[in-house]
Amino acid sequence: MVDYFSWDRVGSAVVQVLPCLWVTVKVVFFANLTGIILGLLISEVRIKRTPVLYQVVTVFISFMRGTPLIVQLMLSYYFVPRLLGVFGINAVRWPKLVFAYIAYGLNQAAFVGEMFRSSIEAIPPGQIEAAKSLGFKGLQTYRYVIIPQMVRIVLPAFGNDFVGLFQGTSLVYLLGIMDVMGRANAVGTFSGHYLEPYLVALVIYVIISLILNLTFSRIEKHLEKWR
């Protein structure tokens, strides 16, 4: 009888795959950190239509949103070292994870930047003018008027994007990175049984996605009380 499934192999896969969740968490963290920082700058350039930068940012957003993430990941891994080499920086021996941070970070910047832009533009202009009339400077207006309202508006879309990013990091194993999917694939290759490790990976992604959805939902409800 062919041994298609074994709970023992499931238990073994859990022990081997679960610790690699930390790698996925790091990619998600650095990608979102980069996305938020660059996204704020991108949204500012798009709103103010800063000459030259506006055109550059528009092309960047079109490229990042119009090409598959796997293409961006491969470009980061194969093209960035050559680009940096032109400036005398040897990136050939950099950890593969760094190129994953770059690819996912820039991808997030494009999407988050557009979320921030649309959220800021949804704020009534009169509130910004009122802040200026009260003597608020640029950073003060952002801190006390724009950002609090922007967060409430952008949170639902950002939450969905966050969950999508977590699931999308499953592609990093194509660079040989031992994340959840990378380890599941390695366990399957070593044992000759792919069902159990992939099932474990599936359960991990489902559970974390549900937790993230619930967390963002709770935050949204909490913010609603402060309106």
Protein backbone atom coordinates (compact mmCIF):
# COMPACT_ATOMS: atom_id res chain seq x y z
CA MET A 1 0.00 0.00 0.00
CA VAL A 2 1.35 3.42 -0.98
CA ASP A 3 2.04 5.67 1.99
CA TYR A 4 0.55 8.95 0.79
CA PHE A 5 0.09 10.62 4.17
CA SER A 6 1.55 10.26 7.66
CA TRP A 7 0.86 12.21 10.84
CA ASP A 8 4.41 11.45 11.94
CA ARG A 9 5.71 13.28 8.89
CA VAL A 10 3.34 16.16 9.68
CA GLY A 11 4.83 16.43 13.17
CA SER A 12 8.35 16.30 11.78
CA ALA A 13 7.47 18.98 9.19
CA VAL A 14 6.05 21.28 11.87
CA VAL A 15 9.30 21.07 13.86
CA GLN A 16 11.36 21.90 10.77
CA VAL A 17 9.14 24.46 9.04
CA LEU A 18 7.75 26.55 11.91
CA PRO A 19 11.11 28.09 13.02
CA CYS A 20 11.50 29.51 9.50
CA LEU A 21 8.45 31.70 10.07
CA TRP A 22 10.92 34.17 11.61
CA VAL A 23 12.49 34.74 8.19
CA THR A 24 9.07 35.55 6.70
CA VAL A 25 8.35 37.93 9.58
CA LYS A 26 11.63 39.79 8.94
CA VAL A 27 10.83 40.24 5.25
CA VAL A 28 7.36 41.56 6.09
CA PHE A 29 8.72 43.92 8.75
CA PHE A 30 11.48 45.48 6.64
CA ALA A 31 9.25 45.66 3.56
CA ASN A 32 6.56 47.56 5.47
CA LEU A 33 9.06 49.82 7.20
CA THR A 34 10.58 50.73 3.84
CA GLY A 35 7.14 51.03 2.26
CA ILE A 36 5.83 53.42 4.92
CA ILE A 37 8.90 55.69 4.87
CA LEU A 38 9.22 55.85 1.09
CA GLY A 39 5.43 55.84 0.70
CA LEU A 40 5.12 59.08 2.66
CA LEU A 41 7.76 60.70 0.46
CA ILE A 42 6.15 59.37 -2.71
CA SER A 43 2.71 60.60 -1.69
CA GLU A 44 4.12 64.05 -0.96
CA VAL A 45 5.79 64.22 -4.38
CA ARG A 46 2.59 63.04 -6.10
CA ILE A 47 0.35 65.50 -4.26
CA LYS A 48 2.61 68.52 -4.75
CA ARG A 49 3.54 67.41 -8.30
CA THR A 50 7.18 68.25 -7.70
CA PRO A 51 8.86 68.80 -11.10
CA VAL A 52 11.05 65.94 -12.38
CA LEU A 53 10.50 63.89 -9.22
CA TYR A 54 6.80 63.60 -10.07
CA GLN A 55 7.59 62.06 -13.45
CA VAL A 56 10.22 59.72 -11.97
CA VAL A 57 7.88 58.57 -9.20
CA THR A 58 5.00 58.06 -11.65
CA VAL A 59 7.15 55.79 -13.83
CA PHE A 60 8.37 53.94 -10.72
CA ILE A 61 4.82 53.32 -9.51
CA SER A 62 3.68 52.18 -12.95
CA PHE A 63 6.56 49.71 -13.16
CA MET A 64 6.14 48.31 -9.65
CA ARG A 65 2.37 47.96 -9.95
CA GLY A 66 2.45 46.69 -13.51
CA THR A 67 5.02 43.91 -13.26
CA PRO A 68 4.83 40.58 -11.39
CA LEU A 69 6.48 40.51 -7.99
CA ILE A 70 8.58 37.53 -9.02
CA VAL A 71 10.11 39.63 -11.82
CA GLN A 72 10.97 42.39 -9.35
CA LEU A 73 12.51 39.83 -7.01
CA MET A 74 14.72 38.42 -9.76
CA LEU A 75 15.71 41.90 -10.96
CA SER A 76 16.70 42.81 -7.41
CA TYR A 77 18.83 39.68 -7.07
CA TYR A 78 20.56 39.81 -10.48
CA PHE A 79 20.51 43.51 -11.43
CA VAL A 80 21.14 45.39 -8.15
CA PRO A 81 24.65 43.89 -7.60
CA ARG A 82 25.65 44.94 -11.13
CA LEU A 83 24.21 48.41 -10.61
CA LEU A 84 26.04 48.85 -7.32
CA GLY A 85 29.20 47.48 -8.94
CA VAL A 86 29.22 50.53 -11.23
CA PHE A 87 29.66 52.67 -8.11
CA GLY A 88 32.40 50.43 -6.75
CA ILE A 89 30.17 48.59 -4.25
CA ASN A 90 30.65 44.83 -4.19
CA ALA A 91 27.23 43.34 -3.41
CA VAL A 92 27.88 39.91 -4.90
CA ARG A 93 28.44 38.32 -1.49
CA TRP A 94 25.55 40.08 0.23
CA PRO A 95 23.02 37.74 1.90
CA LYS A 96 20.16 36.81 -0.41
CA LEU A 97 17.73 38.12 2.18
CA VAL A 98 18.97 41.68 1.53
CA PHE A 99 17.76 41.51 -2.07
CA ALA A 100 14.40 40.23 -0.85
CA TYR A 101 14.19 43.28 1.45
CA ILE A 102 14.95 45.55 -1.50
CA ALA A 103 12.40 43.97 -3.84
CA TYR A 104 9.56 43.79 -1.34
CA GLY A 105 10.39 47.17 0.18
CA LEU A 106 10.24 48.97 -3.17
CA ASN A 107 7.08 47.10 -4.11
CA GLN A 108 5.43 48.17 -0.88
CA ALA A 109 6.60 51.76 -1.38
CA ALA A 110 4.72 51.95 -4.69
CA PHE A 111 1.48 50.54 -3.34
CA VAL A 112 1.57 52.23 0.06
CA GLY A 113 2.54 55.55 -1.51
CA GLU A 114 -0.63 55.51 -3.62
CA MET A 115 -2.71 54.53 -0.58
CA PHE A 116 -1.28 57.46 1.38
CA ARG A 117 -1.82 59.86 -1.52
CA SER A 118 -5.49 58.96 -1.97
CA SER A 119 -6.06 59.06 1.80
CA ILE A 120 -4.49 62.50 2.17
CA GLU A 121 -6.45 63.85 -0.77
CA ALA A 122 -9.64 62.56 0.90
CA ILE A 123 -9.07 64.92 3.85
CA PRO A 124 -11.12 68.13 3.42
CA PRO A 125 -8.72 70.90 2.29
CA GLY A 126 -10.41 73.29 4.71
CA GLN A 127 -8.91 71.43 7.67
CA ILE A 128 -5.40 71.90 6.33
CA GLU A 129 -6.07 75.57 5.65
CA ALA A 130 -7.44 75.96 9.17
CA ALA A 131 -4.26 74.42 10.59
CA LYS A 132 -2.16 76.87 8.61
CA SER A 133 -4.26 79.81 9.82
CA LEU A 134 -3.58 78.69 13.39
CA GLY A 135 0.14 78.91 12.73
CA PHE A 136 0.87 75.21 12.24
CA LYS A 137 3.96 74.56 10.18
CA GLY A 138 4.35 71.73 7.67
CA LEU A 139 5.43 69.01 10.08
CA GLN A 140 2.94 70.12 12.73
CA THR A 141 0.10 69.99 10.20
CA TYR A 142 1.13 66.48 9.23
CA ARG A 143 1.43 65.33 12.84
CA TYR A 144 -1.76 66.79 14.29
CA VAL A 145 -4.12 67.05 11.30
CA ILE A 146 -3.13 64.92 8.31
CA ILE A 147 -1.63 61.72 9.76
CA PRO A 148 -4.39 61.01 12.38
CA GLN A 149 -7.08 61.24 9.70
CA MET A 150 -4.99 59.52 7.05
CA VAL A 151 -4.49 56.50 9.33
CA ARG A 152 -8.25 56.05 9.77
CA ILE A 153 -8.87 56.28 6.04
CA VAL A 154 -5.96 54.12 4.87
CA LEU A 155 -6.13 51.38 7.51
CA PRO A 156 -8.61 49.01 5.75
CA ALA A 157 -6.64 49.06 2.48
CA PHE A 158 -3.32 48.87 4.32
CA GLY A 159 -4.53 45.88 6.33
CA ASN A 160 -5.48 43.98 3.18
CA ASP A 161 -2.15 44.87 1.61
CA PHE A 162 -0.30 43.74 4.75
CA VAL A 163 -1.95 40.32 4.62
CA GLY A 164 -1.24 40.09 0.89
CA LEU A 165 2.41 40.94 1.52
CA PHE A 166 2.70 38.23 4.16
CA GLN A 167 1.37 35.67 1.69
CA GLY A 168 3.43 37.10 -1.16
CA THR A 169 6.70 36.55 0.70
CA SER A 170 6.33 32.85 -0.15
CA LEU A 171 8.21 33.68 -3.37
CA VAL A 172 11.51 34.37 -1.61
CA TYR A 173 12.28 30.65 -1.55
CA LEU A 174 13.03 30.98 -5.29
CA LEU A 175 16.24 32.76 -4.27
CA GLY A 176 17.17 29.84 -2.04
CA ILE A 177 16.04 31.58 1.14
CA MET A 178 14.81 29.22 3.85
CA ASP A 179 11.51 30.85 4.74
CA VAL A 180 8.33 28.84 5.42
CA MET A 181 7.91 27.77 1.79
CA GLY A 182 11.63 27.29 1.27
CA ARG A 183 11.91 24.95 4.23
CA ALA A 184 8.71 23.11 3.27
CA ASN A 185 10.10 22.54 -0.21
CA ALA A 186 13.45 21.37 1.23
CA VAL A 187 11.74 18.96 3.63
CA GLY A 188 9.67 17.56 0.78
CA THR A 189 12.72 17.13 -1.45
CA PHE A 190 14.70 15.39 1.30
CA SER A 191 11.91 13.03 2.38
CA GLY A 192 10.30 12.49 -1.01
CA HIS A 193 6.92 13.42 0.55
CA TYR A 194 5.70 16.94 -0.30
CA LEU A 195 2.12 16.73 0.95
CA GLU A 196 2.88 17.00 4.67
CA PRO A 197 5.34 19.94 4.61
CA TYR A 198 3.19 21.89 2.16
CA LEU A 199 0.14 21.20 4.34
CA VAL A 200 2.02 22.57 7.33
CA ALA A 201 3.02 25.66 5.34
CA LEU A 202 -0.60 26.15 4.27
CA VAL A 203 -1.86 25.97 7.86
CA ILE A 204 0.80 28.46 9.00
CA TYR A 205 -0.18 30.96 6.30
CA VAL A 206 -3.90 30.56 7.03
CA ILE A 207 -3.51 30.99 10.80
CA ILE A 208 -1.24 34.04 10.53
CA SER A 209 -3.50 35.63 7.90
CA LEU A 210 -6.55 35.15 10.13
CA ILE A 211 -4.68 36.67 13.09
CA LEU A 212 -3.63 39.67 10.99
CA ASN A 213 -7.15 40.20 9.64
CA LEU A 214 -8.57 40.04 13.17
CA THR A 215 -5.92 42.44 14.47
CA PHE A 216 -6.57 45.07 11.80
CA SER A 217 -10.31 44.67 12.28
CA ARG A 218 -9.92 45.35 16.01
CA ILE A 219 -7.76 48.39 15.33
CA GLU A 220 -10.34 49.78 12.88
CA LYS A 221 -13.12 49.37 15.46
CA HIS A 222 -10.96 51.03 18.10
CA LEU A 223 -10.25 54.01 15.84
CA GLU A 224 -13.95 54.35 15.02
CA LYS A 225 -14.60 55.17 18.69
CA TRP A 226 -12.30 58.18 18.47
CA ARG A 227 -14.04 59.82 15.56
